[in-house]
Amino acid sequence: MTRTEKLIESQQFAIKVLEEKAVKTKSRIGKVEIESHLEQLRSTLVSLVNFNANQETKP
């Protein structure tokens, strides 16, 4: 497993944990903060997946 793949796995886990926390959080402000963090994590995940795909297609 490459370093990028490990980072992707880590991002996916962080997203899963935060999504579970968002469901349990009763505070509206807390939910907004969690959603903000989730957006950042998802954006980073997309970048990592794209980077990994580009690395795999290089000769």
Protein backbone atom coordinates (compact mmCIF):
# COMPACT_ATOMS: atom_id res chain seq x y z
CA MET A 1 0.00 0.00 0.00
CA THR A 2 1.41 3.35 -1.02
CA ARG A 3 1.62 6.40 1.21
CA THR A 4 -1.16 8.06 -0.80
CA GLU A 5 -3.42 5.04 -0.36
CA LYS A 6 -2.80 5.15 3.41
CA LEU A 7 -3.72 8.85 3.42
CA ILE A 8 -6.90 8.08 1.46
CA GLU A 9 -7.84 5.40 3.98
CA SER A 10 -7.17 7.78 6.85
CA GLN A 11 -9.32 10.51 5.26
CA GLN A 12 -12.16 8.03 4.69
CA PHE A 13 -12.00 6.96 8.33
CA ALA A 14 -12.00 10.57 9.57
CA ILE A 15 -15.03 11.34 7.40
CA LYS A 16 -16.88 8.29 8.73
CA VAL A 17 -16.16 9.26 12.35
CA LEU A 18 -17.24 12.87 11.80
CA GLU A 19 -20.43 11.79 10.01
CA GLU A 20 -21.31 9.62 13.00
CA LYS A 21 -20.56 12.51 15.35
CA ALA A 22 -22.78 14.82 13.28
CA VAL A 23 -25.71 12.44 13.72
CA LYS A 24 -25.22 12.38 17.51
CA THR A 25 -24.63 16.12 17.93
CA LYS A 26 -27.70 17.98 19.09
CA SER A 27 -26.24 21.49 18.90
CA ARG A 28 -26.99 23.32 15.66
CA ILE A 29 -23.69 25.22 15.86
CA GLY A 30 -21.85 21.95 16.45
CA LYS A 31 -23.47 20.44 13.37
CA VAL A 32 -22.44 23.44 11.25
CA GLU A 33 -18.84 23.16 12.47
CA ILE A 34 -18.79 19.42 11.79
CA GLU A 35 -20.22 19.94 8.29
CA SER A 36 -17.50 22.52 7.61
CA HIS A 37 -14.81 20.04 8.64
CA LEU A 38 -16.47 17.33 6.56
CA GLU A 39 -16.39 19.55 3.47
CA GLN A 40 -12.67 20.12 3.97
CA LEU A 41 -12.00 16.41 4.48
CA ARG A 42 -14.03 15.45 1.42
CA SER A 43 -12.20 18.02 -0.69
CA THR A 44 -8.85 16.68 0.48
CA LEU A 45 -10.03 13.13 -0.20
CA VAL A 46 -10.98 14.01 -3.78
CA SER A 47 -7.56 15.60 -4.29
CA LEU A 48 -5.80 12.52 -2.91
CA VAL A 49 -7.83 10.15 -5.07
CA ASN A 50 -7.08 12.24 -8.17
CA PHE A 51 -3.39 12.42 -7.28
CA ASN A 52 -3.28 8.66 -6.76
CA ALA A 53 -5.01 8.03 -10.09
CA ASN A 54 -2.50 10.29 -11.86
CA GLN A 55 0.41 8.45 -10.23
CA GLU A 56 -0.94 5.09 -11.38
CA THR A 57 -1.23 6.23 -15.00
CA LYS A 58 2.34 7.52 -15.20
CA PRO A 59 4.74 5.17 -16.95
